[in-house]
Protein backbone atom coordinates (compact mmCIF):
# COMPACT_ATOMS: atom_id res chain seq x y z
CA UNK A 1 -0.04 -0.02 -0.03
CA UNK A 2 1.49 3.42 -1.03
CA UNK A 3 2.33 5.87 1.72
CA UNK A 4 -0.24 8.62 2.16
CA UNK A 5 1.22 12.15 2.60
CA UNK A 6 -2.28 13.43 3.33
CA UNK A 7 -5.64 11.83 3.91
CA UNK A 8 -8.94 13.63 4.39
CA UNK A 9 -11.87 11.51 5.56
CA UNK A 10 -15.45 12.78 5.62
CA UNK A 11 -14.13 16.35 6.17
CA UNK A 12 -16.61 19.20 6.75
CA UNK A 13 -15.72 22.76 7.37
CA UNK A 14 -18.21 25.26 8.59
CA UNK A 15 -17.61 28.97 9.36
CA UNK A 16 -20.30 31.44 10.59
CA UNK A 17 -23.02 28.94 9.70
CA UNK A 18 -21.69 28.43 6.13
CA UNK A 19 -20.53 25.08 4.94
CA UNK A 20 -17.36 25.58 3.00
CA UNK A 21 -16.36 21.96 2.56
CA UNK A 22 -18.94 19.17 2.74
CA UNK A 23 -18.07 15.53 3.47
CA UNK A 24 -14.82 15.55 1.43
CA UNK A 25 -12.59 12.47 1.36
CA UNK A 26 -9.27 12.50 -0.46
CA UNK A 27 -6.03 10.61 -0.25
CA UNK A 28 -2.80 12.04 -1.65
CA UNK A 29 -0.01 9.49 -2.01
CA UNK A 30 3.71 9.47 -2.25
CA UNK A 31 5.12 10.73 -5.57
CA UNK A 32 1.83 12.20 -6.69
CA UNK A 33 1.18 15.70 -8.20
CA UNK A 34 -2.38 16.87 -7.68
CA UNK A 35 -4.28 19.70 -9.36
CA UNK A 36 -7.32 21.01 -7.48
CA UNK A 37 -9.85 22.76 -9.69
CA UNK A 38 -13.15 24.48 -9.21
CA UNK A 39 -14.91 27.84 -9.56
CA UNK A 40 -14.73 30.65 -6.98
CA UNK A 41 -16.23 29.63 -3.64
CA UNK A 42 -15.75 25.90 -4.27
CA UNK A 43 -13.58 25.42 -1.19
CA UNK A 44 -10.20 25.02 -2.90
CA UNK A 45 -8.22 27.43 -0.61
CA UNK A 46 -9.88 25.96 2.47
CA UNK A 47 -8.68 22.52 1.39
CA UNK A 48 -5.21 23.95 1.11
CA UNK A 49 -5.37 25.41 4.57
CA UNK A 50 -6.29 22.02 5.96
CA UNK A 51 -3.34 20.40 4.09
CA UNK A 52 -1.08 23.15 5.45
CA UNK A 53 -2.07 22.36 9.01
CA UNK A 54 -3.40 25.98 9.40
CA UNK A 55 -7.01 24.98 9.94
CA UNK A 56 -8.88 22.14 11.62
CA UNK A 57 -12.02 20.50 10.16
CA UNK A 58 -15.44 21.02 11.80
CA UNK A 59 -16.06 17.33 11.32
CA UNK A 60 -14.15 14.39 9.88
CA UNK A 61 -10.43 13.71 10.08
CA UNK A 62 -7.27 15.11 8.45
CA UNK A 63 -4.06 12.99 8.57
CA UNK A 64 -0.69 14.48 7.49
CA UNK A 65 2.33 12.16 7.31
CA UNK A 66 0.46 9.72 9.48
CA UNK A 67 -0.39 12.22 12.23
CA UNK A 68 -3.92 13.45 12.86
CA UNK A 69 -4.79 17.12 13.17
CA UNK A 70 -6.05 17.81 16.65
CA UNK A 71 -3.83 15.12 18.18
CA UNK A 72 -0.45 16.32 17.17
CA UNK A 73 1.57 19.54 17.65
CA UNK A 74 0.92 21.37 14.41
CA UNK A 75 4.30 23.27 14.80
CA UNK A 76 5.98 19.93 14.33
CA UNK A 77 4.12 19.36 11.08
CA UNK A 78 4.54 22.81 9.49
CA UNK A 79 8.19 22.55 8.69
CA UNK A 80 7.35 19.47 6.58
CA UNK A 81 4.98 21.54 4.44
CA UNK A 82 5.94 24.18 1.83
CA UNK A 83 3.22 26.74 1.11
CA UNK A 84 2.96 29.45 -1.50
CA UNK A 85 -0.31 31.45 -1.48
CA UNK A 86 -1.52 35.05 -1.90
CA UNK A 87 -2.56 35.15 1.77
CA UNK A 88 1.12 34.46 2.65
CA UNK A 89 2.30 36.96 0.13
CA UNK A 90 0.27 39.70 1.88
CA UNK A 91 2.10 39.15 5.15
CA UNK A 92 5.59 39.58 3.80
CA UNK A 93 7.17 43.04 4.51
CA UNK A 94 7.47 44.91 1.19
CA UNK A 95 10.95 46.14 2.07
CA UNK A 96 12.31 42.59 2.59
CA UNK A 97 14.87 41.44 0.05
CA UNK A 98 13.88 38.41 -2.05
CA UNK A 99 16.78 36.41 -0.68
CA UNK A 100 15.53 36.98 2.83
CA UNK A 101 11.94 36.16 1.80
CA UNK A 102 13.21 32.70 0.86
CA UNK A 103 15.68 32.03 3.60
CA UNK A 104 13.33 33.04 6.44
CA UNK A 105 11.19 30.07 5.61
CA UNK A 106 13.74 28.07 7.57
CA UNK A 107 12.39 29.66 10.80
CA UNK A 108 8.81 29.92 9.57
CA UNK A 109 8.87 33.63 9.66
CA UNK A 110 8.20 36.20 6.93
CA UNK A 111 10.71 38.96 7.89
CA UNK A 112 14.35 38.71 8.82
CA UNK A 113 15.04 39.96 12.34
CA UNK A 114 17.85 38.79 14.62
CA UNK A 115 17.95 35.03 13.55
CA UNK A 116 21.16 33.86 12.00
CA UNK A 117 21.53 31.76 8.84
CA UNK A 118 24.46 29.60 7.78
CA UNK A 119 26.08 30.22 4.48
CA UNK A 120 24.69 26.86 3.25
CA UNK A 121 21.17 28.21 3.88
CA UNK A 122 21.81 31.43 1.97
CA UNK A 123 23.26 29.48 -0.88
CA UNK A 124 20.21 27.23 -0.96
CA UNK A 125 17.97 30.25 -1.11
CA UNK A 126 20.03 31.67 -4.04
CA UNK A 127 19.85 28.29 -5.84
CA UNK A 128 16.04 28.09 -5.47
CA UNK A 129 15.62 31.68 -6.74
CA UNK A 130 17.77 30.78 -9.76
CA UNK A 131 15.78 27.60 -10.39
CA UNK A 132 12.70 29.71 -10.71
CA UNK A 133 14.38 32.22 -13.03
CA UNK A 134 14.69 35.02 -10.56
CA UNK A 135 18.21 34.48 -9.31
CA UNK A 136 19.16 38.06 -10.21
CA UNK A 137 16.53 39.50 -7.92
CA UNK A 138 18.04 38.33 -4.61
CA UNK A 139 18.91 41.81 -3.38
CA UNK A 140 15.71 43.45 -4.73
CA UNK A 141 12.93 44.43 -2.30
CA UNK A 142 9.90 42.19 -2.54
CA UNK A 143 7.64 45.19 -2.87
CA UNK A 144 9.30 46.27 -6.12
CA UNK A 145 8.57 43.04 -7.91
CA UNK A 146 5.99 42.29 -10.58
CA UNK A 147 3.17 39.88 -9.83
CA UNK A 148 5.04 37.21 -11.78
CA UNK A 149 8.21 37.76 -9.97
CA UNK A 150 6.56 37.56 -6.63
CA UNK A 151 4.92 34.24 -7.51
CA UNK A 152 8.28 32.80 -8.39
CA UNK A 153 9.96 34.05 -5.22
CA UNK A 154 7.14 32.58 -3.17
CA UNK A 155 7.48 29.22 -4.91
CA UNK A 156 11.19 29.24 -4.16
CA UNK A 157 10.42 30.02 -0.57
CA UNK A 158 7.99 27.11 -0.33
CA UNK A 159 10.88 24.65 -1.17
CA UNK A 160 13.40 26.26 1.14
CA UNK A 161 12.90 23.80 4.00
CA UNK A 162 13.05 20.76 1.76
CA UNK A 163 9.42 19.91 2.54
CA UNK A 164 7.63 16.58 2.17
CA UNK A 165 4.48 18.32 0.89
CA UNK A 166 4.41 21.29 -1.52
CA UNK A 167 1.26 23.40 -1.64
CA UNK A 168 0.82 26.00 -4.42
CA UNK A 169 -2.44 28.09 -4.16
CA UNK A 170 -3.14 29.57 -7.50
CA UNK A 171 0.55 30.21 -8.45
CA UNK A 172 -0.35 31.55 -11.92
CA UNK A 173 -3.17 33.93 -10.82
CA UNK A 174 -2.74 37.40 -12.17
CA UNK A 175 -0.02 36.53 -14.61
CA UNK A 176 -0.10 37.42 -18.34
CA UNK A 177 0.18 34.71 -21.01
CA UNK A 178 3.95 34.84 -21.13
CA UNK A 179 4.33 34.81 -17.34
CA UNK A 180 1.85 32.01 -16.98
CA UNK A 181 3.55 29.73 -19.57
CA UNK A 182 6.98 30.43 -18.14
CA UNK A 183 5.89 29.50 -14.65
CA UNK A 184 3.95 26.38 -15.91
CA UNK A 185 7.06 25.24 -17.68
CA UNK A 186 9.13 25.63 -14.52
CA UNK A 187 6.57 23.77 -12.43
CA UNK A 188 6.44 21.07 -15.03
CA UNK A 189 10.22 20.47 -14.72
CA UNK A 190 9.73 20.25 -10.96
CA UNK A 191 6.80 17.81 -11.32
CA UNK A 192 9.03 15.40 -13.31
CA UNK A 193 11.93 15.53 -10.83
CA UNK A 194 11.73 12.52 -8.48
CA UNK A 195 13.39 14.72 -5.75
CA UNK A 196 10.38 17.09 -5.77
CA UNK A 197 7.92 16.51 -2.84
CA UNK A 198 4.33 15.44 -3.14
CA UNK A 199 2.64 18.55 -4.76
CA UNK A 200 -0.87 19.99 -4.62
CA UNK A 201 -1.69 22.92 -6.90
CA UNK A 202 -4.85 24.97 -6.87
CA UNK A 203 -6.21 26.62 -10.04
CA UNK A 204 -9.30 27.77 -11.73
CA UNK A 205 -7.98 26.87 -15.19
CA UNK A 206 -7.04 23.47 -16.73
CA UNK A 207 -4.55 25.39 -18.95
CA UNK A 208 -2.52 26.09 -15.85
CA UNK A 209 -1.91 22.46 -14.89
CA UNK A 210 1.81 21.80 -15.54
CA UNK A 211 3.02 18.74 -17.47
CA UNK A 212 3.81 15.78 -15.25
CA UNK A 213 0.80 16.19 -12.98
CA UNK A 214 -0.69 12.82 -12.09
CA UNK A 215 -4.02 13.42 -10.35
CA UNK A 216 -6.86 15.90 -10.19
CA UNK A 217 -9.68 16.74 -7.86
CA UNK A 218 -12.74 18.83 -8.92
CA UNK A 219 -14.72 20.85 -6.28
CA UNK A 220 -18.04 22.58 -6.61
CA UNK A 221 -19.78 24.33 -3.67
CA UNK A 222 -17.69 22.50 -1.18
CA UNK A 223 -18.34 19.04 -2.54
CA UNK A 224 -16.03 16.71 -4.48
CA UNK A 225 -17.30 16.15 -8.02
CA UNK A 226 -14.56 13.77 -8.99
CA UNK A 227 -10.98 12.80 -8.02
CA UNK A 228 -8.35 10.39 -9.33
CA UNK A 229 -5.80 9.93 -12.06
CA UNK A 230 -5.75 13.06 -14.15
CA UNK A 231 -6.71 11.60 -17.49
CA UNK A 232 -9.73 9.84 -15.98
CA UNK A 233 -10.86 12.95 -14.02
CA UNK A 234 -10.39 15.83 -16.42
CA UNK A 235 -13.30 14.82 -18.67
CA UNK A 236 -15.84 17.03 -20.38
CA UNK A 237 -18.59 15.56 -18.18
CA UNK A 238 -16.77 16.17 -14.94
CA UNK A 239 -15.71 19.74 -15.92
CA UNK A 240 -19.29 20.49 -16.99
CA UNK A 241 -20.58 19.34 -13.59
CA UNK A 242 -17.89 21.29 -11.82
CA UNK A 243 -18.25 24.67 -13.52
CA UNK A 244 -21.97 24.51 -14.29
CA UNK A 245 -21.90 25.06 -18.04
CA UNK A 246 -21.26 22.76 -21.04
CA UNK A 247 -17.51 22.30 -21.50
CA UNK A 248 -15.35 20.25 -23.75
CA UNK A 249 -12.01 19.09 -22.37
CA UNK A 250 -9.08 18.36 -24.70
CA UNK A 251 -5.59 16.96 -24.08
CA UNK A 252 -2.71 17.98 -26.30
CA UNK A 253 0.47 16.33 -25.37
CA UNK A 254 0.82 16.76 -21.59
CA UNK A 255 -1.34 19.93 -21.47
CA UNK A 256 -5.08 20.32 -21.09
CA UNK A 257 -7.53 22.84 -22.35
CA UNK A 258 -11.29 23.44 -21.84
CA UNK A 259 -13.72 25.43 -23.93
CA UNK A 260 -17.44 26.03 -23.86
CA UNK A 261 -19.59 23.86 -26.02
CA UNK A 262 -21.12 25.59 -29.01
CA UNK A 263 -24.80 25.66 -28.73
CA UNK A 264 -25.42 26.76 -32.35
């Protein structure tokens, strides 16, 4: 039986009387790369927060690396999880250098204060920035970067601690076509590297799923529409049910597209 990096069983999340996730069960195994898709309000980011050990379910169970949320010190789990999200981006001091944005992940903080880092840590931060094509921005202030550059710096930060689970919440959101394709290409290279941790990526668009992704889960109004191997899950029928309008899914090589079905 394959090792499960994460397992959600009958998970429900309610906030202020609103059900955000409703009876969701999902198992994410070793070596897998998952894409989580759905419209706005589907519960995708809430799912990421559960996987990041930053939220507890209202009902059901969440197991991360064999440890159950609610019965384990979450601060022992968080160093095993790399997270890149807009919510995190908004907490980073704009005057912080990109190198510091990445290296401070080692202490789980978002601004460099009095903590000390070894040269090996600084070199790793530089290597990760270079891997995402922003190596020359190490000394630049985070607040001076474009949206695409910030996304790449955050992705580099998410890998700083050599995590066992990598979570990317809408990494291509707000990027232009060139920026999106460049980031997708980089993420595709990572997906095919056996050294890359189990990865979960959230997106609204099938075009943003990088090559090499193995599984997909589709959410609508907090419920799981379908989940499993990507070729079996990203079907026209499932996407139509997920987004609420007739869609045609197509696969070209290792990339996917979806378009509305002509009603003429």
